Amino acid sequence: MNKTDLTWGAGDRACMGKNIARCEIYKLVATLYSTFDVQLVDPAKEWKLREALGVKPDGVEATLSFRLGASFDHLRTGK
C-alpha cells in the first residue's frame, strides 16, 4: 500500500510541509480521541478501502459523544 500512497507526492516534487502536516494530524487525532468517545455505528461491518491519491475507508460511519470530564478550555486557548 505504501508504494501507491502519493498523498504527499514523491521525489523532487514531494510536499515540503508534509512533516509539519503529519505533526498537526497526530495532534488533531490525539485531541479528538481525548475529547470524544468514538463508536462505530456498525462494528461488524467490513471496511472497504478506496484508493485515489491516498487510501480512505469507504462507508464507515461513527458517532462522537463528549467524553465525561473532558475540558474544552485547551481547545479555545491553544494551550
Protein backbone atom coordinates (compact mmCIF):
# COMPACT_ATOMS: atom_id res chain seq x y z
CA MET A 1 0.00 0.00 0.00
CA ASN A 2 2.86 2.45 0.70
CA LYS A 3 4.03 2.10 -2.90
CA THR A 4 0.78 3.65 -4.12
CA ASP A 5 0.41 6.32 -1.43
CA LEU A 6 1.01 9.58 -3.27
CA THR A 7 -0.76 11.83 -0.78
CA TRP A 8 2.38 13.92 -0.28
CA GLY A 9 3.84 13.46 -3.74
CA ALA A 10 7.21 11.85 -4.34
CA GLY A 11 10.80 12.65 -5.19
CA ASP A 12 11.74 16.24 -6.01
CA ARG A 13 8.05 17.19 -6.14
CA ALA A 14 7.19 15.89 -2.66
CA CYS A 15 5.33 18.26 -0.37
CA MET A 16 7.80 20.37 1.62
CA GLY A 17 5.35 20.70 4.51
CA LYS A 18 4.47 17.02 4.90
CA ASN A 19 6.34 16.62 8.21
CA ILE A 20 4.60 19.64 9.72
CA ALA A 21 1.26 18.43 8.36
CA ARG A 22 1.80 14.97 9.87
CA CYS A 23 2.55 16.55 13.27
CA GLU A 24 -0.69 18.53 13.02
CA ILE A 25 -2.63 15.40 12.05
CA TYR A 26 -1.22 13.50 15.06
CA LYS A 27 -2.18 16.40 17.35
CA LEU A 28 -5.68 16.54 15.87
CA VAL A 29 -6.27 12.80 16.28
CA ALA A 30 -4.97 12.85 19.87
CA THR A 31 -7.22 15.81 20.72
CA LEU A 32 -10.20 14.16 19.03
CA TYR A 33 -9.82 10.91 20.96
CA SER A 34 -9.10 12.62 24.29
CA THR A 35 -12.17 14.87 23.96
CA PHE A 36 -14.71 12.49 22.41
CA ASP A 37 -15.72 8.86 22.69
CA VAL A 38 -15.79 7.45 19.16
CA GLN A 39 -18.04 4.47 18.41
CA LEU A 40 -18.58 2.73 15.08
CA VAL A 41 -22.25 2.67 14.08
CA ASP A 42 -21.93 -0.95 12.91
CA PRO A 43 -18.76 -2.55 14.34
CA ALA A 44 -19.40 -5.83 12.49
CA LYS A 45 -19.49 -4.14 9.08
CA GLU A 46 -16.44 -4.89 6.96
CA TRP A 47 -14.40 -1.85 5.91
CA LYS A 48 -13.89 -1.16 2.23
CA LEU A 49 -10.85 0.86 1.24
CA ARG A 50 -10.99 3.25 -1.69
CA GLU A 51 -7.74 4.25 -3.34
CA ALA A 52 -7.20 7.56 -5.10
CA LEU A 53 -4.31 9.86 -4.21
CA GLY A 54 -4.40 8.24 -0.79
CA VAL A 55 -6.33 5.43 0.83
CA LYS A 56 -9.56 6.11 2.68
CA PRO A 57 -12.25 3.95 4.23
CA ASP A 58 -15.49 3.99 2.26
CA GLY A 59 -18.86 3.84 4.02
CA VAL A 60 -17.51 3.81 7.59
CA GLU A 61 -19.86 5.62 9.96
CA ALA A 62 -19.10 6.63 13.54
CA THR A 63 -20.73 8.63 16.30
CA LEU A 64 -18.96 11.09 18.56
CA SER A 65 -20.05 11.83 22.11
CA PHE A 66 -18.41 14.15 24.59
CA ARG A 67 -16.10 12.30 26.95
CA LEU A 68 -17.17 12.70 30.58
CA GLY A 69 -14.95 15.19 32.38
CA ALA A 70 -13.27 16.39 29.19
CA SER A 71 -12.33 20.05 29.27
CA PHE A 72 -12.57 22.23 26.20
CA ASP A 73 -10.55 25.12 27.61
CA HIS A 74 -7.36 23.90 25.94
CA LEU A 75 -9.13 23.98 22.57
CA ARG A 76 -10.10 27.64 22.97
CA THR A 77 -6.76 28.88 24.28
CA GLY A 78 -4.48 26.64 22.22
CA LYS A 79 -2.50 25.60 25.32
